[in-house]
PDB file of N, CA and C in Angstrom:
ATOM      1  N   MET A   1     -21.843   8.331  14.512  1.00  0.00           N
ATOM      2  CA  MET A   1     -20.865   8.540  13.476  1.00  0.00           C
ATOM      3  C   MET A   1     -19.524   7.974  13.951  1.00  0.00           C
ATOM      4  N   LYS A   2     -18.900   7.188  13.107  1.00  0.00           N
ATOM      5  CA  LYS A   2     -17.586   6.628  13.410  1.00  0.00           C
ATOM      6  C   LYS A   2     -16.551   7.720  13.279  1.00  0.00           C
ATOM      7  N   LYS A   3     -15.613   7.724  14.221  1.00  0.00           N
ATOM      8  CA  LYS A   3     -14.533   8.721  14.230  1.00  0.00           C
ATOM      9  C   LYS A   3     -13.227   8.069  13.791  1.00  0.00           C
ATOM     10  N   PHE A   4     -12.433   8.830  13.081  1.00  0.00           N
ATOM     11  CA  PHE A   4     -11.141   8.355  12.570  1.00  0.00           C
ATOM     12  C   PHE A   4     -10.028   9.298  13.030  1.00  0.00           C
ATOM     13  N   ALA A   5      -8.877   8.742  13.312  1.00  0.00           N
ATOM     14  CA  ALA A   5      -7.769   9.493  13.880  1.00  0.00           C
ATOM     15  C   ALA A   5      -6.991  10.265  12.838  1.00  0.00           C
ATOM     16  N   ARG A   6      -6.945   9.770  11.598  1.00  0.00           N
ATOM     17  CA  ARG A   6      -6.133  10.391  10.549  1.00  0.00           C
ATOM     18  C   ARG A   6      -6.909  10.409   9.238  1.00  0.00           C
ATOM     19  N   ARG A   7      -6.372  11.164   8.281  1.00  0.00           N
ATOM     20  CA  ARG A   7      -6.961  11.223   6.951  1.00  0.00           C
ATOM     21  C   ARG A   7      -5.902  10.722   5.955  1.00  0.00           C
ATOM     22  N   CYS A   8      -6.293   9.813   5.076  1.00  0.00           N
ATOM     23  CA  CYS A   8      -5.402   9.286   4.060  1.00  0.00           C
ATOM     24  C   CYS A   8      -5.085  10.366   3.059  1.00  0.00           C
ATOM     25  N   ASP A   9      -3.788  10.553   2.769  1.00  0.00           N
ATOM     26  CA  ASP A   9      -3.391  11.586   1.827  1.00  0.00           C
ATOM     27  C   ASP A   9      -3.654  11.178   0.354  1.00  0.00           C
ATOM     28  N   ALA A  10      -3.907   9.880   0.107  1.00  0.00           N
ATOM     29  CA  ALA A  10      -4.187   9.464  -1.244  1.00  0.00           C
ATOM     30  C   ALA A  10      -5.689   9.499  -1.547  1.00  0.00           C
ATOM     31  N   THR A  11      -6.508   9.035  -0.600  1.00  0.00           N
ATOM     32  CA  THR A  11      -7.944   8.916  -0.827  1.00  0.00           C
ATOM     33  C   THR A  11      -8.745  10.064  -0.223  1.00  0.00           C
ATOM     34  N   GLY A  12      -8.176  10.739   0.812  1.00  0.00           N
ATOM     35  CA  GLY A  12      -8.910  11.786   1.535  1.00  0.00           C
ATOM     36  C   GLY A  12      -9.889  11.228   2.517  1.00  0.00           C
ATOM     37  N   ARG A  13      -9.916   9.932   2.725  1.00  0.00           N
ATOM     38  CA  ARG A  13     -10.863   9.308   3.651  1.00  0.00           C
ATOM     39  C   ARG A  13     -10.260   9.117   5.033  1.00  0.00           C
ATOM     40  N   GLY A  14     -11.133   9.021   6.041  1.00  0.00           N
ATOM     41  CA  GLY A  14     -10.690   8.796   7.426  1.00  0.00           C
ATOM     42  C   GLY A  14     -10.057   7.417   7.566  1.00  0.00           C
ATOM     43  N   MET A  15      -9.108   7.266   8.510  1.00  0.00           N
ATOM     44  CA  MET A  15      -8.461   6.007   8.727  1.00  0.00           C
ATOM     45  C   MET A  15      -8.012   5.885  10.187  1.00  0.00           C
ATOM     46  N   ASN A  16      -8.042   4.647  10.692  1.00  0.00           N
ATOM     47  CA  ASN A  16      -7.560   4.355  12.023  1.00  0.00           C
ATOM     48  C   ASN A  16      -6.381   3.393  12.019  1.00  0.00           C
ATOM     49  N   GLU A  17      -5.928   3.025  10.835  1.00  0.00           N
ATOM     50  CA  GLU A  17      -4.725   2.206  10.681  1.00  0.00           C
ATOM     51  C   GLU A  17      -4.168   2.446   9.291  1.00  0.00           C
ATOM     52  N   GLY A  18      -2.838   2.316   9.207  1.00  0.00           N
ATOM     53  CA  GLY A  18      -2.214   2.511   7.900  1.00  0.00           C
ATOM     54  C   GLY A  18      -0.737   2.851   8.025  1.00  0.00           C
ATOM     55  N   TYR A  19      -0.229   3.414   6.966  1.00  0.00           N
ATOM     56  CA  TYR A  19       1.206   3.682   6.825  1.00  0.00           C
ATOM     57  C   TYR A  19       1.491   5.178   7.076  1.00  0.00           C
ATOM     58  N   VAL A  20       2.514   5.399   7.859  1.00  0.00           N
ATOM     59  CA  VAL A  20       2.938   6.761   8.200  1.00  0.00           C
ATOM     60  C   VAL A  20       4.295   7.023   7.563  1.00  0.00           C
ATOM     61  N   VAL A  21       4.405   8.077   6.793  1.00  0.00           N
ATOM     62  CA  VAL A  21       5.667   8.472   6.170  1.00  0.00           C
ATOM     63  C   VAL A  21       6.352   9.448   7.093  1.00  0.00           C
ATOM     64  N   GLY A  22       7.636   9.134   7.364  1.00  0.00           N
ATOM     65  CA  GLY A  22       8.428  10.007   8.213  1.00  0.00           C
ATOM     66  C   GLY A  22       7.855  10.136   9.594  1.00  0.00           C
ATOM     67  N   ASP A  23       7.751  11.382  10.058  1.00  0.00           N
ATOM     68  CA  ASP A  23       7.204  11.650  11.377  1.00  0.00           C
ATOM     69  C   ASP A  23       5.758  12.092  11.299  1.00  0.00           C
ATOM     70  N   GLY A  24       5.051  11.639  10.249  1.00  0.00           N
ATOM     71  CA  GLY A  24       3.653  12.015  10.088  1.00  0.00           C
ATOM     72  C   GLY A  24       3.453  13.020   8.967  1.00  0.00           C
ATOM     73  N   GLU A  25       4.394  13.122   8.064  1.00  0.00           N
ATOM     74  CA  GLU A  25       4.265  14.044   6.954  1.00  0.00           C
ATOM     75  C   GLU A  25       3.128  13.593   6.014  1.00  0.00           C
ATOM     76  N   LEU A  26       2.965  12.262   5.874  1.00  0.00           N
ATOM     77  CA  LEU A  26       1.916  11.699   5.002  1.00  0.00           C
ATOM     78  C   LEU A  26       1.342  10.464   5.655  1.00  0.00           C
ATOM     79  N   TYR A  27       0.069  10.179   5.347  1.00  0.00           N
ATOM     80  CA  TYR A  27      -0.613   8.992   5.806  1.00  0.00           C
ATOM     81  C   TYR A  27      -1.268   8.288   4.637  1.00  0.00           C
ATOM     82  N   PHE A  28      -1.081   6.938   4.574  1.00  0.00           N
ATOM     83  CA  PHE A  28      -1.699   6.162   3.529  1.00  0.00           C
ATOM     84  C   PHE A  28      -2.467   4.991   4.113  1.00  0.00           C
ATOM     85  N   SER A  29      -3.704   4.807   3.693  1.00  0.00           N
ATOM     86  CA  SER A  29      -4.512   3.713   4.221  1.00  0.00           C
ATOM     87  C   SER A  29      -4.156   2.373   3.646  1.00  0.00           C
ATOM     88  N   ASP A  30      -3.622   2.363   2.410  1.00  0.00           N
ATOM     89  CA  ASP A  30      -3.299   1.105   1.725  1.00  0.00           C
ATOM     90  C   ASP A  30      -1.866   1.101   1.233  1.00  0.00           C
ATOM     91  N   VAL A  31      -1.279  -0.074   1.217  1.00  0.00           N
ATOM     92  CA  VAL A  31       0.116  -0.199   0.783  1.00  0.00           C
ATOM     93  C   VAL A  31       0.268   0.215  -0.679  1.00  0.00           C
ATOM     94  N   GLU A  32      -0.754   0.021  -1.495  1.00  0.00           N
ATOM     95  CA  GLU A  32      -0.677   0.418  -2.913  1.00  0.00           C
ATOM     96  C   GLU A  32      -0.425   1.920  -3.044  1.00  0.00           C
ATOM     97  N   HIS A  33      -1.057   2.692  -2.200  1.00  0.00           N
ATOM     98  CA  HIS A  33      -0.848   4.154  -2.228  1.00  0.00           C
ATOM     99  C   HIS A  33       0.561   4.524  -1.804  1.00  0.00           C
ATOM    100  N   LEU A  34       1.078   3.814  -0.802  1.00  0.00           N
ATOM    101  CA  LEU A  34       2.462   4.042  -0.353  1.00  0.00           C
ATOM    102  C   LEU A  34       3.426   3.710  -1.488  1.00  0.00           C
ATOM    103  N   ILE A  35       3.231   2.599  -2.155  1.00  0.00           N
ATOM    104  CA  ILE A  35       4.111   2.193  -3.253  1.00  0.00           C
ATOM    105  C   ILE A  35       4.094   3.261  -4.379  1.00  0.00           C
ATOM    106  N   ILE A  36       2.930   3.744  -4.729  1.00  0.00           N
ATOM    107  CA  ILE A  36       2.842   4.794  -5.759  1.00  0.00           C
ATOM    108  C   ILE A  36       3.656   5.995  -5.330  1.00  0.00           C
ATOM    109  N   TRP A  37       3.497   6.412  -4.086  1.00  0.00           N
ATOM    110  CA  TRP A  37       4.243   7.590  -3.589  1.00  0.00           C
ATOM    111  C   TRP A  37       5.762   7.337  -3.646  1.00  0.00           C
ATOM    112  N   LEU A  38       6.189   6.160  -3.200  1.00  0.00           N
ATOM    113  CA  LEU A  38       7.622   5.817  -3.237  1.00  0.00           C
ATOM    114  C   LEU A  38       8.124   5.822  -4.663  1.00  0.00           C
ATOM    115  N   ARG A  39       7.387   5.250  -5.570  1.00  0.00           N
ATOM    116  CA  ARG A  39       7.833   5.180  -6.987  1.00  0.00           C
ATOM    117  C   ARG A  39       7.901   6.564  -7.623  1.00  0.00           C
ATOM    118  N   ASN A  40       6.949   7.448  -7.237  1.00  0.00           N
ATOM    119  CA  ASN A  40       6.930   8.767  -7.846  1.00  0.00           C
ATOM    120  C   ASN A  40       8.135   9.643  -7.436  1.00  0.00           C
ATOM    121  N   ARG A  41       8.879   9.207  -6.459  1.00  0.00           N
ATOM    122  CA  ARG A  41      10.100   9.948  -6.076  1.00  0.00           C
ATOM    123  C   ARG A  41      11.208   9.761  -7.091  1.00  0.00           C
ATOM    124  N   GLY A  42      11.059   8.734  -7.946  1.00  0.00           N
ATOM    125  CA  GLY A  42      12.038   8.514  -9.016  1.00  0.00           C
ATOM    126  C   GLY A  42      13.099   7.505  -8.636  1.00  0.00           C
ATOM    127  N   GLY A  43      13.792   7.020  -9.663  1.00  0.00           N
ATOM    128  CA  GLY A  43      14.898   6.089  -9.470  1.00  0.00           C
ATOM    129  C   GLY A  43      14.480   4.676  -9.114  1.00  0.00           C
ATOM    130  N   MET A  44      13.236   4.329  -9.369  1.00  0.00           N
ATOM    131  CA  MET A  44      12.714   2.997  -8.972  1.00  0.00           C
ATOM    132  C   MET A  44      12.436   2.106 -10.163  1.00  0.00           C
ATOM    133  N   ASP A  45      12.815   2.510 -11.333  1.00  0.00           N
ATOM    134  CA  ASP A  45      12.540   1.677 -12.520  1.00  0.00           C
ATOM    135  C   ASP A  45      13.178   0.308 -12.382  1.00  0.00           C
ATOM    136  N   GLY A  46      12.378  -0.697 -12.717  1.00  0.00           N
ATOM    137  CA  GLY A  46      12.909  -2.072 -12.711  1.00  0.00           C
ATOM    138  C   GLY A  46      12.952  -2.726 -11.359  1.00  0.00           C
ATOM    139  N   LEU A  47      12.622  -2.018 -10.302  1.00  0.00           N
ATOM    140  CA  LEU A  47      12.640  -2.579  -8.945  1.00  0.00           C
ATOM    141  C   LEU A  47      11.254  -3.086  -8.549  1.00  0.00           C
ATOM    142  N   SER A  48      11.234  -4.220  -7.870  1.00  0.00           N
ATOM    143  CA  SER A  48       9.946  -4.781  -7.446  1.00  0.00           C
ATOM    144  C   SER A  48       9.337  -3.976  -6.325  1.00  0.00           C
ATOM    145  N   ASP A  49       8.041  -4.082  -6.173  1.00  0.00           N
ATOM    146  CA  ASP A  49       7.347  -3.385  -5.077  1.00  0.00           C
ATOM    147  C   ASP A  49       7.910  -3.850  -3.732  1.00  0.00           C
ATOM    148  N   GLU A  50       8.147  -5.149  -3.608  1.00  0.00           N
ATOM    149  CA  GLU A  50       8.680  -5.681  -2.340  1.00  0.00           C
ATOM    150  C   GLU A  50      10.023  -5.090  -2.023  1.00  0.00           C
ATOM    151  N   PHE A  51      10.906  -4.987  -3.011  1.00  0.00           N
ATOM    152  CA  PHE A  51      12.235  -4.403  -2.774  1.00  0.00           C
ATOM    153  C   PHE A  51      12.122  -2.954  -2.338  1.00  0.00           C
ATOM    154  N   ILE A  52      11.292  -2.197  -3.034  1.00  0.00           N
ATOM    155  CA  ILE A  52      11.093  -0.759  -2.715  1.00  0.00           C
ATOM    156  C   ILE A  52      10.572  -0.599  -1.282  1.00  0.00           C
ATOM    157  N   LEU A  53       9.585  -1.412  -0.936  1.00  0.00           N
ATOM    158  CA  LEU A  53       9.026  -1.352   0.418  1.00  0.00           C
ATOM    159  C   LEU A  53      10.068  -1.736   1.481  1.00  0.00           C
ATOM    160  N   ASP A  54      10.789  -2.799   1.233  1.00  0.00           N
ATOM    161  CA  ASP A  54      11.836  -3.260   2.177  1.00  0.00           C
ATOM    162  C   ASP A  54      12.911  -2.185   2.376  1.00  0.00           C
ATOM    163  N   GLU A  55      13.388  -1.611   1.279  1.00  0.00           N
ATOM    164  CA  GLU A  55      14.425  -0.588   1.371  1.00  0.00           C
ATOM    165  C   GLU A  55      13.932   0.677   2.113  1.00  0.00           C
ATOM    166  N   ALA A  56      12.735   1.096   1.783  1.00  0.00           N
ATOM    167  CA  ALA A  56      12.171   2.287   2.442  1.00  0.00           C
ATOM    168  C   ALA A  56      11.978   2.022   3.924  1.00  0.00           C
ATOM    169  N   TYR A  57      11.460   0.822   4.287  1.00  0.00           N
ATOM    170  CA  TYR A  57      11.242   0.477   5.657  1.00  0.00           C
ATOM    171  C   TYR A  57      12.563   0.421   6.425  1.00  0.00           C
ATOM    172  N   ASN A  58      13.575  -0.201   5.831  1.00  0.00           N
ATOM    173  CA  ASN A  58      14.881  -0.325   6.469  1.00  0.00           C
ATOM    174  C   ASN A  58      15.532   1.020   6.657  1.00  0.00           C
ATOM    175  N   GLU A  59      15.201   2.000   5.859  1.00  0.00           N
ATOM    176  CA  GLU A  59      15.703   3.372   5.970  1.00  0.00           C
ATOM    177  C   GLU A  59      14.834   4.253   6.870  1.00  0.00           C
ATOM    178  N   ASP A  60      13.868   3.617   7.557  1.00  0.00           N
ATOM    179  CA  ASP A  60      12.938   4.314   8.453  1.00  0.00           C
ATOM    180  C   ASP A  60      12.156   5.419   7.762  1.00  0.00           C
ATOM    181  N   GLU A  61      11.825   5.184   6.494  1.00  0.00           N
ATOM    182  CA  GLU A  61      11.050   6.183   5.754  1.00  0.00           C
ATOM    183  C   GLU A  61       9.543   6.057   6.035  1.00  0.00           C
ATOM    184  N   TYR A  62       9.104   4.887   6.479  1.00  0.00           N
ATOM    185  CA  TYR A  62       7.684   4.699   6.795  1.00  0.00           C
ATOM    186  C   TYR A  62       7.545   3.589   7.842  1.00  0.00           C
ATOM    187  N   TYR A  63       6.371   3.528   8.415  1.00  0.00           N
ATOM    188  CA  TYR A  63       5.997   2.409   9.305  1.00  0.00           C
ATOM    189  C   TYR A  63       4.504   2.244   9.258  1.00  0.00           C
ATOM    190  N   TYR A  64       4.036   1.101   9.719  1.00  0.00           N
ATOM    191  CA  TYR A  64       2.598   0.808   9.785  1.00  0.00           C
ATOM    192  C   TYR A  64       2.158   0.915  11.239  1.00  0.00           C
ATOM    193  N   THR A  65       0.965   1.431  11.457  1.00  0.00           N
ATOM    194  CA  THR A  65       0.458   1.535  12.810  1.00  0.00           C
ATOM    195  C   THR A  65      -1.047   1.530  12.836  1.00  0.00           C
ATOM    196  N   GLU A  66      -1.589   1.336  14.020  1.00  0.00           N
ATOM    197  CA  GLU A  66      -3.028   1.454  14.274  1.00  0.00           C
ATOM    198  C   GLU A  66      -3.206   2.473  15.383  1.00  0.00           C
ATOM    199  N   TRP A  67      -4.209   3.319  15.235  1.00  0.00           N
ATOM    200  CA  TRP A  67      -4.487   4.307  16.258  1.00  0.00           C
ATOM    201  C   TRP A  67      -5.728   3.840  17.003  1.00  0.00           C
ATOM    202  N   GLU A  68      -5.541   3.582  18.328  1.00  0.00           N
ATOM    203  CA  GLU A  68      -6.659   3.102  19.144  1.00  0.00           C
ATOM    204  C   GLU A  68      -7.286   4.234  19.953  1.00  0.00           C
ATOM    205  N   VAL A  69      -6.490   5.175  20.380  1.00  0.00           N
ATOM    206  CA  VAL A  69      -6.976   6.289  21.183  1.00  0.00           C
ATOM    207  C   VAL A  69      -7.129   7.504  20.274  1.00  0.00           C
ATOM    208  N   LEU A  70      -8.364   7.976  20.170  1.00  0.00           N
ATOM    209  CA  LEU A  70      -8.629   9.131  19.336  1.00  0.00           C
ATOM    210  C   LEU A  70      -8.511  10.391  20.127  1.00  0.00           C
ATOM    211  N   ASP A  71      -8.007  11.415  19.502  1.00  0.00           N
ATOM    212  CA  ASP A  71      -7.968  12.753  20.078  1.00  0.00           C
ATOM    213  C   ASP A  71      -9.379  13.300  19.978  1.00  0.00           C
ATOM    214  N   GLU A  72     -10.056  13.456  21.086  1.00  0.00           N
ATOM    215  CA  GLU A  72     -11.441  13.912  21.067  1.00  0.00           C
ATOM    216  C   GLU A  72     -11.596  15.350  20.637  1.00  0.00           C
ATOM    217  N   ASP A  73     -10.486  16.097  20.584  1.00  0.00           N
ATOM    218  CA  ASP A  73     -10.559  17.473  20.144  1.00  0.00           C
ATOM    219  C   ASP A  73     -10.437  17.643  18.633  1.00  0.00           C
ATOM    220  N   GLU A  74      -9.877  16.617  17.967  1.00  0.00           N
ATOM    221  CA  GLU A  74      -9.704  16.683  16.513  1.00  0.00           C
ATOM    222  C   GLU A  74      -9.828  15.293  15.946  1.00  0.00           C
ATOM    223  N   TRP A  75     -10.748  15.114  14.986  1.00  0.00           N
ATOM    224  CA  TRP A  75     -10.920  13.800  14.382  1.00  0.00           C
ATOM    225  C   TRP A  75     -11.554  13.981  13.009  1.00  0.00           C
ATOM    226  N   TYR A  76     -11.674  12.863  12.271  1.00  0.00           N
ATOM    227  CA  TYR A  76     -12.198  12.884  10.910  1.00  0.00           C
ATOM    228  C   TYR A  76     -13.353  11.897  10.806  1.00  0.00           C
ATOM    229  N   ASP A  77     -14.270  12.188   9.892  1.00  0.00           N
ATOM    230  CA  ASP A  77     -15.316  11.188   9.590  1.00  0.00           C
ATOM    231  C   ASP A  77     -14.832  10.309   8.453  1.00  0.00           C
ATOM    232  N   GLU A  78     -15.669   9.366   8.031  1.00  0.00           N
ATOM    233  CA  GLU A  78     -15.270   8.422   6.993  1.00  0.00           C
ATOM    234  C   GLU A  78     -14.907   9.094   5.666  1.00  0.00           C
ATOM    235  N   ASP A  79     -15.552  10.207   5.411  1.00  0.00           N
ATOM    236  CA  ASP A  79     -15.275  10.948   4.162  1.00  0.00           C
ATOM    237  C   ASP A  79     -14.066  11.900   4.250  1.00  0.00           C
ATOM    238  N   GLY A  80     -13.426  11.936   5.427  1.00  0.00           N
ATOM    239  CA  GLY A  80     -12.222  12.768   5.615  1.00  0.00           C
ATOM    240  C   GLY A  80     -12.494  14.174   6.065  1.00  0.00           C
ATOM    241  N   ASN A  81     -13.733  14.488   6.408  1.00  0.00           N
ATOM    242  CA  ASN A  81     -14.076  15.808   6.947  1.00  0.00           C
ATOM    243  C   ASN A  81     -13.508  15.945   8.332  1.00  0.00           C
ATOM    244  N   GLU A  82     -12.847  17.087   8.598  1.00  0.00           N
ATOM    245  CA  GLU A  82     -12.210  17.305   9.892  1.00  0.00           C
ATOM    246  C   GLU A  82     -13.189  17.948  10.866  1.00  0.00           C
ATOM    247  N   PHE A  83     -13.146  17.473  12.125  1.00  0.00           N
ATOM    248  CA  PHE A  83     -13.961  18.058  13.165  1.00  0.00           C
ATOM    249  C   PHE A  83     -13.093  18.457  14.342  1.00  0.00           C
ATOM    250  N   ASN A  84     -13.364  19.624  14.892  1.00  0.00           N
ATOM    251  CA  ASN A  84     -12.662  20.129  16.074  1.00  0.00           C
ATOM    252  C   ASN A  84     -13.666  20.486  17.116  1.00  0.00           C
ATOM    253  N   ASN A  85     -13.398  20.044  18.347  1.00  0.00           N
ATOM    254  CA  ASN A  85     -14.313  20.350  19.450  1.00  0.00           C
ATOM    255  C   ASN A  85     -13.766  21.529  20.243  1.00  0.00           C
TER     256      ASN A  85
END
């Protein structure tokens, strides 16, 4: 069984790379999910996705990362089920 370090807050599926909001408040596997979340905060009418992403990134609201080292005590499967050893 493949192990994943995080669970996507949009899809509920396991992920080993993606977008982190803040200090780990939210995780998104795809940029489309991040854009939806950013737009749902309001005040984004008429702004391009690229502009919204650039502004949020420049304000340190999110970053992209890959997790290579898994915590063997806590991990997720592909379907987002949590496992603790």
